Structures are given as C-alpha cells and as structure tokens.
Amino acid sequence: MVGIGIAEVLLLLIVLGIVTGGVYLGVRTLKRLGGGGRERELEAAKREFEREIEARNRRERMGGG
C-alpha cells in the first residue's frame, strides 16, 4: 500500500496550481496576440457608431430630424 502524506498532497496541489496558472496565462497571451486586429476593428466600429449618434443628436437639436 502506498502511503501519501499531507506534504505530498500539498506539493501536488501547489504543482497543479502552478501548471494551471501557466496554462491560463499562456491562453490569455495568445488571445491578446491573435485578437489584436479584432479589437481595433471593434473600436473603430464603436467610434463610427458614436459619431453617427452625435450627428443625429445635432440634427434633432437643430430641428432637422
């Protein structure tokens, strides 16, 4: 019978935590690297949408809407 003590269980949990953290950081970094273009696209679309809303608001204030 294999005896596993508290020290071994804690060491295993620490190692699993480090591995999980490394995988998480790696995935997050890859998402940032691969998704940078998409983020810029979304930002540009957001700015354009905000400009359209502002233009409509100006027309309504001037009585042209």
PDB file of N, CA and C in Angstrom:
ATOM      1  N   MET A   1       0.845  -1.188   0.000  1.00  0.00           N
ATOM      2  CA  MET A   1       0.000   0.000   0.000  1.00  0.00           C
ATOM      3  C   MET A   1       0.886   1.247   0.000  1.00  0.00           C
ATOM      4  N   VAL A   2       0.503   2.207  -0.818  1.00  0.00           N
ATOM      5  CA  VAL A   2       1.295   3.421  -0.948  1.00  0.00           C
ATOM      6  C   VAL A   2       0.755   4.448   0.037  1.00  0.00           C
ATOM      7  N   GLY A   3       1.631   4.944   0.867  1.00  0.00           N
ATOM      8  CA  GLY A   3       1.213   5.953   1.842  1.00  0.00           C
ATOM      9  C   GLY A   3       1.494   7.341   1.315  1.00  0.00           C
ATOM     10  N   ILE A   4       0.453   8.145   1.230  1.00  0.00           N
ATOM     11  CA  ILE A   4       0.610   9.532   0.780  1.00  0.00           C
ATOM     12  C   ILE A   4       0.330  10.429   1.975  1.00  0.00           C
ATOM     13  N   GLY A   5       1.313  11.223   2.292  1.00  0.00           N
ATOM     14  CA  GLY A   5       1.174  12.111   3.436  1.00  0.00           C
ATOM     15  C   GLY A   5       0.646  13.482   3.041  1.00  0.00           C
ATOM     16  N   ILE A   6       0.448  14.289   4.055  1.00  0.00           N
ATOM     17  CA  ILE A   6      -0.061  15.648   3.841  1.00  0.00           C
ATOM     18  C   ILE A   6       0.919  16.461   3.005  1.00  0.00           C
ATOM     19  N   ALA A   7       2.199  16.278   3.235  1.00  0.00           N
ATOM     20  CA  ALA A   7       3.210  17.037   2.497  1.00  0.00           C
ATOM     21  C   ALA A   7       3.142  16.732   1.003  1.00  0.00           C
ATOM     22  N   GLU A   8       2.945  15.468   0.654  1.00  0.00           N
ATOM     23  CA  GLU A   8       2.857  15.105  -0.766  1.00  0.00           C
ATOM     24  C   GLU A   8       1.597  15.680  -1.413  1.00  0.00           C
ATOM     25  N   VAL A   9       0.489  15.641  -0.678  1.00  0.00           N
ATOM     26  CA  VAL A   9      -0.770  16.191  -1.202  1.00  0.00           C
ATOM     27  C   VAL A   9      -0.630  17.695  -1.417  1.00  0.00           C
ATOM     28  N   LEU A  10      -0.041  18.387  -0.456  1.00  0.00           N
ATOM     29  CA  LEU A  10       0.156  19.833  -0.602  1.00  0.00           C
ATOM     30  C   LEU A  10       1.090  20.148  -1.766  1.00  0.00           C
ATOM     31  N   LEU A  11       2.147  19.384  -1.903  1.00  0.00           N
ATOM     32  CA  LEU A  11       3.074  19.588  -3.020  1.00  0.00           C
ATOM     33  C   LEU A  11       2.365  19.377  -4.360  1.00  0.00           C
ATOM     34  N   LEU A  12       1.531  18.347  -4.425  1.00  0.00           N
ATOM     35  CA  LEU A  12       0.772  18.079  -5.645  1.00  0.00           C
ATOM     36  C   LEU A  12      -0.169  19.233  -5.961  1.00  0.00           C
ATOM     37  N   LEU A  13      -0.851  19.752  -4.946  1.00  0.00           N
ATOM     38  CA  LEU A  13      -1.765  20.883  -5.162  1.00  0.00           C
ATOM     39  C   LEU A  13      -1.007  22.130  -5.630  1.00  0.00           C
ATOM     40  N   ILE A  14       0.166  22.369  -5.062  1.00  0.00           N
ATOM     41  CA  ILE A  14       0.970  23.520  -5.469  1.00  0.00           C
ATOM     42  C   ILE A  14       1.407  23.375  -6.920  1.00  0.00           C
ATOM     43  N   VAL A  15       1.875  22.189  -7.279  1.00  0.00           N
ATOM     44  CA  VAL A  15       2.318  21.954  -8.657  1.00  0.00           C
ATOM     45  C   VAL A  15       1.145  22.115  -9.628  1.00  0.00           C
ATOM     46  N   LEU A  16      -0.009  21.551  -9.269  1.00  0.00           N
ATOM     47  CA  LEU A  16      -1.193  21.697 -10.132  1.00  0.00           C
ATOM     48  C   LEU A  16      -1.603  23.164 -10.279  1.00  0.00           C
ATOM     49  N   GLY A  17      -1.496  23.923  -9.201  1.00  0.00           N
ATOM     50  CA  GLY A  17      -1.822  25.354  -9.258  1.00  0.00           C
ATOM     51  C   GLY A  17      -0.878  26.113 -10.177  1.00  0.00           C
ATOM     52  N   ILE A  18       0.400  25.791 -10.097  1.00  0.00           N
ATOM     53  CA  ILE A  18       1.380  26.462 -10.958  1.00  0.00           C
ATOM     54  C   ILE A  18       1.141  26.111 -12.421  1.00  0.00           C
ATOM     55  N   VAL A  19       0.886  24.838 -12.698  1.00  0.00           N
ATOM     56  CA  VAL A  19       0.630  24.420 -14.080  1.00  0.00           C
ATOM     57  C   VAL A  19      -0.637  25.078 -14.611  1.00  0.00           C
ATOM     58  N   THR A  20      -1.695  25.081 -13.806  1.00  0.00           N
ATOM     59  CA  THR A  20      -2.955  25.702 -14.227  1.00  0.00           C
ATOM     60  C   THR A  20      -2.767  27.197 -14.481  1.00  0.00           C
ATOM     61  N   GLY A  21      -2.036  27.864 -13.603  1.00  0.00           N
ATOM     62  CA  GLY A  21      -1.761  29.287 -13.786  1.00  0.00           C
ATOM     63  C   GLY A  21      -0.959  29.554 -15.052  1.00  0.00           C
ATOM     64  N   GLY A  22       0.008  28.699 -15.326  1.00  0.00           N
ATOM     65  CA  GLY A  22       0.802  28.861 -16.546  1.00  0.00           C
ATOM     66  C   GLY A  22      -0.026  28.681 -17.800  1.00  0.00           C
ATOM     67  N   VAL A  23      -0.890  27.682 -17.790  1.00  0.00           N
ATOM     68  CA  VAL A  23      -1.769  27.462 -18.953  1.00  0.00           C
ATOM     69  C   VAL A  23      -2.704  28.650 -19.132  1.00  0.00           C
ATOM     70  N   TYR A  24      -3.269  29.151 -18.024  1.00  0.00           N
ATOM     71  CA  TYR A  24      -4.172  30.298 -18.093  1.00  0.00           C
ATOM     72  C   TYR A  24      -3.465  31.524 -18.686  1.00  0.00           C
ATOM     73  N   LEU A  25      -2.282  31.810 -18.190  1.00  0.00           N
ATOM     74  CA  LEU A  25      -1.544  32.970 -18.700  1.00  0.00           C
ATOM     75  C   LEU A  25      -1.164  32.782 -20.170  1.00  0.00           C
ATOM     76  N   GLY A  26      -0.809  31.565 -20.546  1.00  0.00           N
ATOM     77  CA  GLY A  26      -0.470  31.291 -21.940  1.00  0.00           C
ATOM     78  C   GLY A  26      -1.655  31.500 -22.866  1.00  0.00           C
ATOM     79  N   VAL A  27      -2.815  31.005 -22.473  1.00  0.00           N
ATOM     80  CA  VAL A  27      -4.021  31.168 -23.289  1.00  0.00           C
ATOM     81  C   VAL A  27      -4.392  32.639 -23.386  1.00  0.00           C
ATOM     82  N   ARG A  28      -4.302  33.347 -22.270  1.00  0.00           N
ATOM     83  CA  ARG A  28      -4.638  34.776 -22.273  1.00  0.00           C
ATOM     84  C   ARG A  28      -3.702  35.565 -23.188  1.00  0.00           C
ATOM     85  N   THR A  29      -2.433  35.233 -23.159  1.00  0.00           N
ATOM     86  CA  THR A  29      -1.459  35.910 -24.016  1.00  0.00           C
ATOM     87  C   THR A  29      -1.735  35.618 -25.489  1.00  0.00           C
ATOM     88  N   LEU A  30      -2.038  34.369 -25.799  1.00  0.00           N
ATOM     89  CA  LEU A  30      -2.338  34.013 -27.191  1.00  0.00           C
ATOM     90  C   LEU A  30      -3.592  34.728 -27.687  1.00  0.00           C
ATOM     91  N   LYS A  31      -4.587  34.856 -26.833  1.00  0.00           N
ATOM     92  CA  LYS A  31      -5.810  35.565 -27.231  1.00  0.00           C
ATOM     93  C   LYS A  31      -5.492  37.020 -27.556  1.00  0.00           C
ATOM     94  N   ARG A  32      -4.649  37.634 -26.733  1.00  0.00           N
ATOM     95  CA  ARG A  32      -4.285  39.042 -26.987  1.00  0.00           C
ATOM     96  C   ARG A  32      -3.527  39.185 -28.296  1.00  0.00           C
ATOM     97  N   LEU A  33      -2.588  38.287 -28.535  1.00  0.00           N
ATOM     98  CA  LEU A  33      -1.783  38.373 -29.753  1.00  0.00           C
ATOM     99  C   LEU A  33      -2.640  38.147 -30.990  1.00  0.00           C
ATOM    100  N   GLY A  34      -3.514  37.175 -30.941  1.00  0.00           N
ATOM    101  CA  GLY A  34      -4.333  36.838 -32.099  1.00  0.00           C
ATOM    102  C   GLY A  34      -5.535  37.743 -32.269  1.00  0.00           C
ATOM    103  N   GLY A  35      -6.006  38.343 -31.191  1.00  0.00           N
ATOM    104  CA  GLY A  35      -7.227  39.131 -31.256  1.00  0.00           C
ATOM    105  C   GLY A  35      -7.008  40.619 -31.359  1.00  0.00           C
ATOM    106  N   GLY A  36      -5.774  41.051 -31.517  1.00  0.00           N
ATOM    107  CA  GLY A  36      -5.493  42.485 -31.560  1.00  0.00           C
ATOM    108  C   GLY A  36      -6.177  43.194 -32.709  1.00  0.00           C
ATOM    109  N   GLY A  37      -6.194  42.559 -33.874  1.00  0.00           N
ATOM    110  CA  GLY A  37      -6.843  43.161 -35.034  1.00  0.00           C
ATOM    111  C   GLY A  37      -8.333  43.285 -34.843  1.00  0.00           C
ATOM    112  N   ARG A  38      -8.901  42.287 -34.241  1.00  0.00           N
ATOM    113  CA  ARG A  38     -10.354  42.294 -33.986  1.00  0.00           C
ATOM    114  C   ARG A  38     -10.718  43.399 -33.008  1.00  0.00           C
ATOM    115  N   GLU A  39      -9.892  43.595 -31.989  1.00  0.00           N
ATOM    116  CA  GLU A  39     -10.156  44.661 -31.020  1.00  0.00           C
ATOM    117  C   GLU A  39     -10.119  46.024 -31.700  1.00  0.00           C
ATOM    118  N   ARG A  40      -9.141  46.225 -32.575  1.00  0.00           N
ATOM    119  CA  ARG A  40      -9.056  47.512 -33.280  1.00  0.00           C
ATOM    120  C   ARG A  40     -10.270  47.716 -34.180  1.00  0.00           C
ATOM    121  N   GLU A  41     -10.712  46.630 -34.815  1.00  0.00           N
ATOM    122  CA  GLU A  41     -11.902  46.704 -35.665  1.00  0.00           C
ATOM    123  C   GLU A  41     -13.123  47.125 -34.852  1.00  0.00           C
ATOM    124  N   LEU A  42     -13.278  46.503 -33.700  1.00  0.00           N
ATOM    125  CA  LEU A  42     -14.422  46.823 -32.851  1.00  0.00           C
ATOM    126  C   LEU A  42     -14.351  48.254 -32.335  1.00  0.00           C
ATOM    127  N   GLU A  43     -13.158  48.712 -31.984  1.00  0.00           N
ATOM    128  CA  GLU A  43     -13.001  50.097 -31.530  1.00  0.00           C
ATOM    129  C   GLU A  43     -13.370  51.078 -32.631  1.00  0.00           C
ATOM    130  N   ALA A  44     -12.938  50.800 -33.861  1.00  0.00           N
ATOM    131  CA  ALA A  44     -13.262  51.680 -34.987  1.00  0.00           C
ATOM    132  C   ALA A  44     -14.762  51.701 -35.229  1.00  0.00           C
ATOM    133  N   ALA A  45     -15.407  50.547 -35.151  1.00  0.00           N
ATOM    134  CA  ALA A  45     -16.853  50.485 -35.341  1.00  0.00           C
ATOM    135  C   ALA A  45     -17.572  51.257 -34.236  1.00  0.00           C
ATOM    136  N   LYS A  46     -17.069  51.145 -33.025  1.00  0.00           N
ATOM    137  CA  LYS A  46     -17.662  51.865 -31.901  1.00  0.00           C
ATOM    138  C   LYS A  46     -17.550  53.375 -32.101  1.00  0.00           C
ATOM    139  N   ARG A  47     -16.369  53.841 -32.534  1.00  0.00           N
ATOM    140  CA  ARG A  47     -16.195  55.286 -32.775  1.00  0.00           C
ATOM    141  C   ARG A  47     -17.122  55.771 -33.878  1.00  0.00           C
ATOM    142  N   GLU A  48     -17.255  54.985 -34.936  1.00  0.00           N
ATOM    143  CA  GLU A  48     -18.140  55.362 -36.036  1.00  0.00           C
ATOM    144  C   GLU A  48     -19.589  55.436 -35.556  1.00  0.00           C
ATOM    145  N   PHE A  49     -20.002  54.488 -34.769  1.00  0.00           N
ATOM    146  CA  PHE A  49     -21.358  54.470 -34.234  1.00  0.00           C
ATOM    147  C   PHE A  49     -21.593  55.692 -33.348  1.00  0.00           C
ATOM    148  N   GLU A  50     -20.608  56.033 -32.511  1.00  0.00           N
ATOM    149  CA  GLU A  50     -20.737  57.209 -31.654  1.00  0.00           C
ATOM    150  C   GLU A  50     -20.847  58.481 -32.491  1.00  0.00           C
ATOM    151  N   ARG A  51     -20.091  58.557 -33.603  1.00  0.00           N
ATOM    152  CA  ARG A  51     -20.188  59.726 -34.490  1.00  0.00           C
ATOM    153  C   ARG A  51     -21.579  59.833 -35.103  1.00  0.00           C
ATOM    154  N   GLU A  52     -22.146  58.703 -35.522  1.00  0.00           N
ATOM    155  CA  GLU A  52     -23.484  58.713 -36.106  1.00  0.00           C
ATOM    156  C   GLU A  52     -24.527  59.175 -35.093  1.00  0.00           C
ATOM    157  N   ILE A  53     -24.398  58.706 -33.869  1.00  0.00           N
ATOM    158  CA  ILE A  53     -25.344  59.122 -32.821  1.00  0.00           C
ATOM    159  C   ILE A  53     -25.224  60.618 -32.574  1.00  0.00           C
ATOM    160  N   GLU A  54     -24.003  61.110 -32.494  1.00  0.00           N
ATOM    161  CA  GLU A  54     -23.799  62.544 -32.261  1.00  0.00           C
ATOM    162  C   GLU A  54     -24.365  63.364 -33.413  1.00  0.00           C
ATOM    163  N   ALA A  55     -24.178  62.912 -34.646  1.00  0.00           N
ATOM    164  CA  ALA A  55     -24.715  63.632 -35.801  1.00  0.00           C
ATOM    165  C   ALA A  55     -26.243  63.659 -35.745  1.00  0.00           C
ATOM    166  N   ARG A  56     -26.867  62.562 -35.389  1.00  0.00           N
ATOM    167  CA  ARG A  56     -28.336  62.538 -35.261  1.00  0.00           C
ATOM    168  C   ARG A  56     -28.809  63.474 -34.169  1.00  0.00           C
ATOM    169  N   ASN A  57     -28.089  63.478 -33.049  1.00  0.00           N
ATOM    170  CA  ASN A  57     -28.462  64.369 -31.951  1.00  0.00           C
ATOM    171  C   ASN A  57     -28.358  65.829 -32.377  1.00  0.00           C
ATOM    172  N   ARG A  58     -27.318  66.179 -33.139  1.00  0.00           N
ATOM    173  CA  ARG A  58     -27.180  67.563 -33.618  1.00  0.00           C
ATOM    174  C   ARG A  58     -28.321  67.932 -34.540  1.00  0.00           C
ATOM    175  N   ARG A  59     -28.688  67.012 -35.458  1.00  0.00           N
ATOM    176  CA  ARG A  59     -29.798  67.294 -36.378  1.00  0.00           C
ATOM    177  C   ARG A  59     -31.098  67.504 -35.620  1.00  0.00           C
ATOM    178  N   GLU A  60     -31.328  66.692 -34.587  1.00  0.00           N
ATOM    179  CA  GLU A  60     -32.557  66.829 -33.812  1.00  0.00           C
ATOM    180  C   GLU A  60     -32.569  68.161 -33.064  1.00  0.00           C
ATOM    181  N   ARG A  61     -31.438  68.582 -32.528  1.00  0.00           N
ATOM    182  CA  ARG A  61     -31.379  69.857 -31.809  1.00  0.00           C
ATOM    183  C   ARG A  61     -31.598  71.029 -32.741  1.00  0.00           C
ATOM    184  N   MET A  62     -31.173  70.884 -33.990  1.00  0.00           N
ATOM    185  CA  MET A  62     -31.326  71.976 -34.947  1.00  0.00           C
ATOM    186  C   MET A  62     -32.718  71.943 -35.592  1.00  0.00           C
ATOM    187  N   GLY A  63     -33.488  70.934 -35.323  1.00  0.00           N
ATOM    188  CA  GLY A  63     -34.830  70.878 -35.874  1.00  0.00           C
ATOM    189  C   GLY A  63     -34.893  70.202 -37.227  1.00  0.00           C
ATOM    190  N   GLY A  64     -33.868  69.508 -37.632  1.00  0.00           N
ATOM    191  CA  GLY A  64     -33.849  68.886 -38.939  1.00  0.00           C
ATOM    192  C   GLY A  64     -34.168  67.398 -38.906  1.00  0.00           C
ATOM    193  N   GLY A  65     -34.567  66.885 -37.744  1.00  0.00           N
ATOM    194  CA  GLY A  65     -34.733  65.454 -37.633  1.00  0.00           C
ATOM    195  C   GLY A  65     -36.121  65.001 -37.824  1.00  0.00           C
TER     196      GLY A  65
END
